[in-house]
Amino acid sequence: MKIDKIGLGGGCHWCTEAVFQNLHGVVNVEQGWISASGAVEFSEAVLLDFNPEKIPLKVLIEAHLHTHKCTSNHSMRSKYRSAVYAFSSRQQLESEQILKLLQKQFEDKLITKVYGFEEFKMSAEQYQNYYQKNPEKPFCKTYIDPKLNLLPRRFPKHVLKPTQTSIKRREEQNTKK
């Protein structure tokens, strides 16, 4: 099985983490902060390990764009950079082409940029898998649930059943070892 890696940032990494933990073909999600070539500061983001045969990069980027404010250049953009973090020049070019293609789905201009990945700092354990640990918290109900509710409508072929999040799959794989 071929596994690729991509970084995505745009909003709170708790939200982004929860979105991608619920997509078929994403095998691991790590949340934290990413630094990128051409960007001065670290920014909240997630790293995804994914099987491109099960979920193409285009679908990942499209889901990302539809689950954060990808056309809004607000005051918190240095902390919440709208970005795709590529791990190769080929992936960077492909991501740029995908963004151009997906622009037609949005009235306003996308502000999402593609950067070369440089470094990742994992968030503290207490914040990892935040939605899985705290689904009833007001933050989750207000900000994460609407994003998760969008997934089955927009990406029905790629959404996992509620009992199949990437965390549960990883836990099951670890117990089989």
C-alpha atoms as a PDB file:
ATOM      1  CA  MET A   1       0.000   0.000   0.000  1.00  0.00           C
ATOM      2  CA  LYS A   2       1.420   3.359  -1.057  1.00  0.00           C
ATOM      3  CA  ILE A   3       1.176   6.105   1.580  1.00  0.00           C
ATOM      4  CA  ASP A   4       1.695   9.807   0.800  1.00  0.00           C
ATOM      5  CA  LYS A   5       1.990  12.707   3.222  1.00  0.00           C
ATOM      6  CA  ILE A   6       0.565  16.249   2.962  1.00  0.00           C
ATOM      7  CA  GLY A   7       0.172  19.134   5.395  1.00  0.00           C
ATOM      8  CA  LEU A   8      -2.983  21.274   5.555  1.00  0.00           C
ATOM      9  CA  GLY A   9      -3.694  24.408   7.540  1.00  0.00           C
ATOM     10  CA  GLY A  10      -6.461  26.953   7.607  1.00  0.00           C
ATOM     11  CA  GLY A  11      -8.285  27.016  10.876  1.00  0.00           C
ATOM     12  CA  CYS A  12      -8.055  25.535  14.299  1.00  0.00           C
ATOM     13  CA  HIS A  13      -6.171  22.251  14.093  1.00  0.00           C
ATOM     14  CA  TRP A  14      -8.779  20.607  16.349  1.00  0.00           C
ATOM     15  CA  CYS A  15     -11.308  21.157  13.562  1.00  0.00           C
ATOM     16  CA  THR A  16      -8.975  20.144  10.761  1.00  0.00           C
ATOM     17  CA  GLU A  17      -7.900  17.019  12.631  1.00  0.00           C
ATOM     18  CA  ALA A  18     -11.513  15.901  13.155  1.00  0.00           C
ATOM     19  CA  VAL A  19     -12.422  16.432   9.493  1.00  0.00           C
ATOM     20  CA  PHE A  20      -9.611  14.287   8.143  1.00  0.00           C
ATOM     21  CA  GLN A  21      -9.958  11.575  10.802  1.00  0.00           C
ATOM     22  CA  ASN A  22     -13.332  10.899   9.211  1.00  0.00           C
ATOM     23  CA  LEU A  23     -12.242  10.349   5.611  1.00  0.00           C
ATOM     24  CA  HIS A  24     -11.653   6.918   4.090  1.00  0.00           C
ATOM     25  CA  GLY A  25      -8.067   6.607   2.864  1.00  0.00           C
ATOM     26  CA  VAL A  26      -6.567   8.887   5.516  1.00  0.00           C
ATOM     27  CA  VAL A  27      -4.542   6.549   7.682  1.00  0.00           C
ATOM     28  CA  ASN A  28      -3.080   8.999  10.189  1.00  0.00           C
ATOM     29  CA  VAL A  29      -3.654  12.616  11.269  1.00  0.00           C
ATOM     30  CA  GLU A  30      -1.241  14.557  13.448  1.00  0.00           C
ATOM     31  CA  GLN A  31      -2.079  18.047  14.665  1.00  0.00           C
ATOM     32  CA  GLY A  32       0.369  20.752  15.593  1.00  0.00           C
ATOM     33  CA  TRP A  33       2.249  23.602  13.950  1.00  0.00           C
ATOM     34  CA  ILE A  34       4.014  23.679  10.595  1.00  0.00           C
ATOM     35  CA  SER A  35       6.736  25.952   9.329  1.00  0.00           C
ATOM     36  CA  ALA A  36       7.078  26.345   5.610  1.00  0.00           C
ATOM     37  CA  SER A  37       9.485  27.673   3.039  1.00  0.00           C
ATOM     38  CA  GLY A  38       8.662  31.322   2.440  1.00  0.00           C
ATOM     39  CA  ALA A  39       6.646  31.685   5.660  1.00  0.00           C
ATOM     40  CA  VAL A  40       8.119  33.332   8.748  1.00  0.00           C
ATOM     41  CA  GLU A  41       6.071  31.774  11.556  1.00  0.00           C
ATOM     42  CA  PHE A  42       4.762  28.349  12.484  1.00  0.00           C
ATOM     43  CA  SER A  43       1.027  28.016  11.859  1.00  0.00           C
ATOM     44  CA  GLU A  44      -1.607  25.587  13.170  1.00  0.00           C
ATOM     45  CA  ALA A  45      -1.993  22.673  10.790  1.00  0.00           C
ATOM     46  CA  VAL A  46      -2.273  18.919  10.427  1.00  0.00           C
ATOM     47  CA  LEU A  47      -0.090  16.325   8.758  1.00  0.00           C
ATOM     48  CA  LEU A  48      -1.942  13.592   6.905  1.00  0.00           C
ATOM     49  CA  ASP A  49      -0.728  10.163   5.866  1.00  0.00           C
ATOM     50  CA  PHE A  50      -3.063   8.972   3.130  1.00  0.00           C
ATOM     51  CA  ASN A  51      -3.487   6.269   0.544  1.00  0.00           C
ATOM     52  CA  PRO A  52      -3.830   8.099  -2.813  1.00  0.00           C
ATOM     53  CA  GLU A  53      -5.487   5.030  -4.336  1.00  0.00           C
ATOM     54  CA  LYS A  54      -8.359   5.398  -1.851  1.00  0.00           C
ATOM     55  CA  ILE A  55      -8.526   9.190  -1.564  1.00  0.00           C
ATOM     56  CA  PRO A  56      -6.873  11.401  -4.181  1.00  0.00           C
ATOM     57  CA  LEU A  57      -5.018  14.573  -3.236  1.00  0.00           C
ATOM     58  CA  LYS A  58      -7.696  16.564  -5.086  1.00  0.00           C
ATOM     59  CA  VAL A  59     -10.410  15.276  -2.729  1.00  0.00           C
ATOM     60  CA  LEU A  60      -8.296  16.073   0.333  1.00  0.00           C
ATOM     61  CA  ILE A  61      -7.676  19.630  -0.839  1.00  0.00           C
ATOM     62  CA  GLU A  62     -11.318  20.082  -1.823  1.00  0.00           C
ATOM     63  CA  ALA A  63     -12.498  18.873   1.613  1.00  0.00           C
ATOM     64  CA  HIS A  64      -9.970  21.205   3.201  1.00  0.00           C
ATOM     65  CA  LEU A  65     -11.188  24.229   1.241  1.00  0.00           C
ATOM     66  CA  HIS A  66     -14.824  23.549   2.117  1.00  0.00           C
ATOM     67  CA  THR A  67     -14.134  23.153   5.847  1.00  0.00           C
ATOM     68  CA  HIS A  68     -12.294  26.401   6.576  1.00  0.00           C
ATOM     69  CA  LYS A  69     -12.506  30.040   5.497  1.00  0.00           C
ATOM     70  CA  CYS A  70     -10.318  29.659   2.435  1.00  0.00           C
ATOM     71  CA  THR A  71     -11.381  33.002   0.911  1.00  0.00           C
ATOM     72  CA  SER A  72     -11.163  35.139   4.062  1.00  0.00           C
ATOM     73  CA  ASN A  73      -7.974  37.036   4.827  1.00  0.00           C
ATOM     74  CA  HIS A  74      -8.764  37.752   8.489  1.00  0.00           C
ATOM     75  CA  SER A  75      -6.531  39.094  11.264  1.00  0.00           C
ATOM     76  CA  MET A  76      -5.583  35.621  12.582  1.00  0.00           C
ATOM     77  CA  ARG A  77      -4.093  34.371   9.295  1.00  0.00           C
ATOM     78  CA  SER A  78      -0.549  34.154  10.649  1.00  0.00           C
ATOM     79  CA  LYS A  79      -1.754  31.655  13.276  1.00  0.00           C
ATOM     80  CA  TYR A  80      -4.256  30.008  10.921  1.00  0.00           C
ATOM     81  CA  ARG A  81      -2.495  30.150   7.546  1.00  0.00           C
ATOM     82  CA  SER A  82      -4.700  28.846   4.723  1.00  0.00           C
ATOM     83  CA  ALA A  83      -2.205  26.461   3.206  1.00  0.00           C
ATOM     84  CA  VAL A  84      -1.215  23.213   1.600  1.00  0.00           C
ATOM     85  CA  TYR A  85       2.242  22.020   2.692  1.00  0.00           C
ATOM     86  CA  ALA A  86       3.865  19.934  -0.030  1.00  0.00           C
ATOM     87  CA  PHE A  87       6.585  17.338   0.534  1.00  0.00           C
ATOM     88  CA  SER A  88       8.000  17.423  -3.007  1.00  0.00           C
ATOM     89  CA  SER A  89       8.153  19.718  -6.016  1.00  0.00           C
ATOM     90  CA  ARG A  90       5.812  17.311  -7.846  1.00  0.00           C
ATOM     91  CA  GLN A  91       3.276  17.497  -5.023  1.00  0.00           C
ATOM     92  CA  GLN A  92       3.634  21.282  -4.873  1.00  0.00           C
ATOM     93  CA  LEU A  93       2.890  21.635  -8.601  1.00  0.00           C
ATOM     94  CA  GLU A  94      -0.037  19.191  -8.391  1.00  0.00           C
ATOM     95  CA  SER A  95      -1.486  21.090  -5.402  1.00  0.00           C
ATOM     96  CA  GLU A  96      -1.219  24.426  -7.226  1.00  0.00           C
ATOM     97  CA  GLN A  97      -3.024  22.942 -10.248  1.00  0.00           C
ATOM     98  CA  ILE A  98      -5.750  21.512  -7.994  1.00  0.00           C
ATOM     99  CA  LEU A  99      -6.304  24.914  -6.340  1.00  0.00           C
ATOM    100  CA  LYS A 100      -6.678  26.556  -9.763  1.00  0.00           C
ATOM    101  CA  LEU A 101      -9.197  23.892 -10.779  1.00  0.00           C
ATOM    102  CA  LEU A 102     -11.199  24.203  -7.537  1.00  0.00           C
ATOM    103  CA  GLN A 103     -11.328  28.022  -7.649  1.00  0.00           C
ATOM    104  CA  LYS A 104     -14.507  27.773  -9.784  1.00  0.00           C
ATOM    105  CA  GLN A 105     -16.367  26.313  -6.760  1.00  0.00           C
ATOM    106  CA  PHE A 106     -15.954  29.618  -4.882  1.00  0.00           C
ATOM    107  CA  GLU A 107     -17.285  33.096  -5.637  1.00  0.00           C
ATOM    108  CA  ASP A 108     -14.385  34.858  -3.907  1.00  0.00           C
ATOM    109  CA  LYS A 109     -10.722  34.336  -4.693  1.00  0.00           C
ATOM    110  CA  LEU A 110      -9.013  31.536  -2.775  1.00  0.00           C
ATOM    111  CA  ILE A 111      -6.279  32.790  -0.469  1.00  0.00           C
ATOM    112  CA  THR A 112      -4.922  29.280   0.109  1.00  0.00           C
ATOM    113  CA  LYS A 113      -1.264  29.015  -0.859  1.00  0.00           C
ATOM    114  CA  VAL A 114       1.005  26.048  -1.468  1.00  0.00           C
ATOM    115  CA  TYR A 115       4.247  25.985   0.503  1.00  0.00           C
ATOM    116  CA  GLY A 116       7.128  23.589   0.785  1.00  0.00           C
ATOM    117  CA  PHE A 117       6.992  21.750   4.109  1.00  0.00           C
ATOM    118  CA  GLU A 118       9.904  22.474   6.462  1.00  0.00           C
ATOM    119  CA  GLU A 119       9.181  21.433  10.050  1.00  0.00           C
ATOM    120  CA  PHE A 120       6.395  20.085  12.253  1.00  0.00           C
ATOM    121  CA  LYS A 121       5.851  20.501  15.993  1.00  0.00           C
ATOM    122  CA  MET A 122       3.226  18.155  17.443  1.00  0.00           C
ATOM    123  CA  SER A 123       0.653  19.627  19.800  1.00  0.00           C
ATOM    124  CA  ALA A 124       0.529  18.462  23.406  1.00  0.00           C
ATOM    125  CA  GLU A 125      -1.059  15.067  24.099  1.00  0.00           C
ATOM    126  CA  GLN A 126      -4.019  16.658  25.919  1.00  0.00           C
ATOM    127  CA  TYR A 127      -5.070  18.402  22.675  1.00  0.00           C
ATOM    128  CA  GLN A 128      -4.555  15.507  20.272  1.00  0.00           C
ATOM    129  CA  ASN A 129      -7.741  13.794  19.083  1.00  0.00           C
ATOM    130  CA  TYR A 130      -9.606  16.669  20.672  1.00  0.00           C
ATOM    131  CA  TYR A 131     -12.977  16.013  19.057  1.00  0.00           C
ATOM    132  CA  GLN A 132     -12.811  12.275  19.758  1.00  0.00           C
ATOM    133  CA  LYS A 133     -12.200  13.021  23.451  1.00  0.00           C
ATOM    134  CA  ASN A 134     -14.617  15.960  23.783  1.00  0.00           C
ATOM    135  CA  PRO A 135     -17.506  15.675  21.285  1.00  0.00           C
ATOM    136  CA  GLU A 136     -20.018  17.249  23.689  1.00  0.00           C
ATOM    137  CA  LYS A 137     -17.957  20.364  24.493  1.00  0.00           C
ATOM    138  CA  PRO A 138     -19.452  23.649  23.220  1.00  0.00           C
ATOM    139  CA  PHE A 139     -16.447  24.301  20.949  1.00  0.00           C
ATOM    140  CA  CYS A 140     -16.968  20.944  19.231  1.00  0.00           C
ATOM    141  CA  LYS A 141     -20.714  21.432  18.863  1.00  0.00           C
ATOM    142  CA  THR A 142     -20.297  24.973  17.516  1.00  0.00           C
ATOM    143  CA  TYR A 143     -17.284  24.657  15.214  1.00  0.00           C
ATOM    144  CA  ILE A 144     -16.477  21.022  14.465  1.00  0.00           C
ATOM    145  CA  ASP A 145     -19.929  19.399  14.125  1.00  0.00           C
ATOM    146  CA  PRO A 146     -20.970  21.643  11.201  1.00  0.00           C
ATOM    147  CA  LYS A 147     -17.812  20.663   9.311  1.00  0.00           C
ATOM    148  CA  LEU A 148     -18.369  16.974   9.989  1.00  0.00           C
ATOM    149  CA  ASN A 149     -22.010  17.292   8.915  1.00  0.00           C
ATOM    150  CA  LEU A 150     -20.882  18.768   5.588  1.00  0.00           C
ATOM    151  CA  LEU A 151     -18.710  15.757   4.723  1.00  0.00           C
ATOM    152  CA  PRO A 152     -21.447  13.180   3.938  1.00  0.00           C
ATOM    153  CA  ARG A 153     -23.289  15.675   1.741  1.00  0.00           C
ATOM    154  CA  ARG A 154     -20.239  16.814  -0.198  1.00  0.00           C
ATOM    155  CA  PHE A 155     -17.970  13.743  -0.114  1.00  0.00           C
ATOM    156  CA  PRO A 156     -20.275  10.732   0.413  1.00  0.00           C
ATOM    157  CA  LYS A 157     -17.895   8.181  -1.140  1.00  0.00           C
ATOM    158  CA  HIS A 158     -15.062   9.202   1.151  1.00  0.00           C
ATOM    159  CA  VAL A 159     -16.694   9.540   4.576  1.00  0.00           C
ATOM    160  CA  LEU A 160     -16.174   6.820   7.147  1.00  0.00           C
ATOM    161  CA  LYS A 161     -19.004   5.407   9.188  1.00  0.00           C
ATOM    162  CA  PRO A 162     -19.080   6.881  12.710  1.00  0.00           C
ATOM    163  CA  THR A 163     -17.507   3.723  14.107  1.00  0.00           C
ATOM    164  CA  GLN A 164     -14.619   3.840  11.626  1.00  0.00           C
ATOM    165  CA  THR A 165     -12.694   7.045  12.351  1.00  0.00           C
ATOM    166  CA  SER A 166      -8.985   6.889  11.601  1.00  0.00           C
ATOM    167  CA  ILE A 167      -8.297   6.814  15.362  1.00  0.00           C
ATOM    168  CA  LYS A 168     -10.410   3.699  15.844  1.00  0.00           C
ATOM    169  CA  ARG A 169      -8.808   2.033  12.819  1.00  0.00           C
ATOM    170  CA  ARG A 170      -5.312   2.828  14.146  1.00  0.00           C
ATOM    171  CA  GLU A 171      -6.215   1.501  17.615  1.00  0.00           C
ATOM    172  CA  GLU A 172      -7.535  -1.707  16.060  1.00  0.00           C
ATOM    173  CA  GLN A 173      -4.347  -2.103  13.994  1.00  0.00           C
ATOM    174  CA  ASN A 174      -2.178  -1.599  17.079  1.00  0.00           C
ATOM    175  CA  THR A 175      -4.070  -4.274  19.070  1.00  0.00           C
ATOM    176  CA  LYS A 176      -3.611  -6.763  16.210  1.00  0.00           C
ATOM    177  CA  LYS A 177       0.194  -6.361  16.308  1.00  0.00           C
END
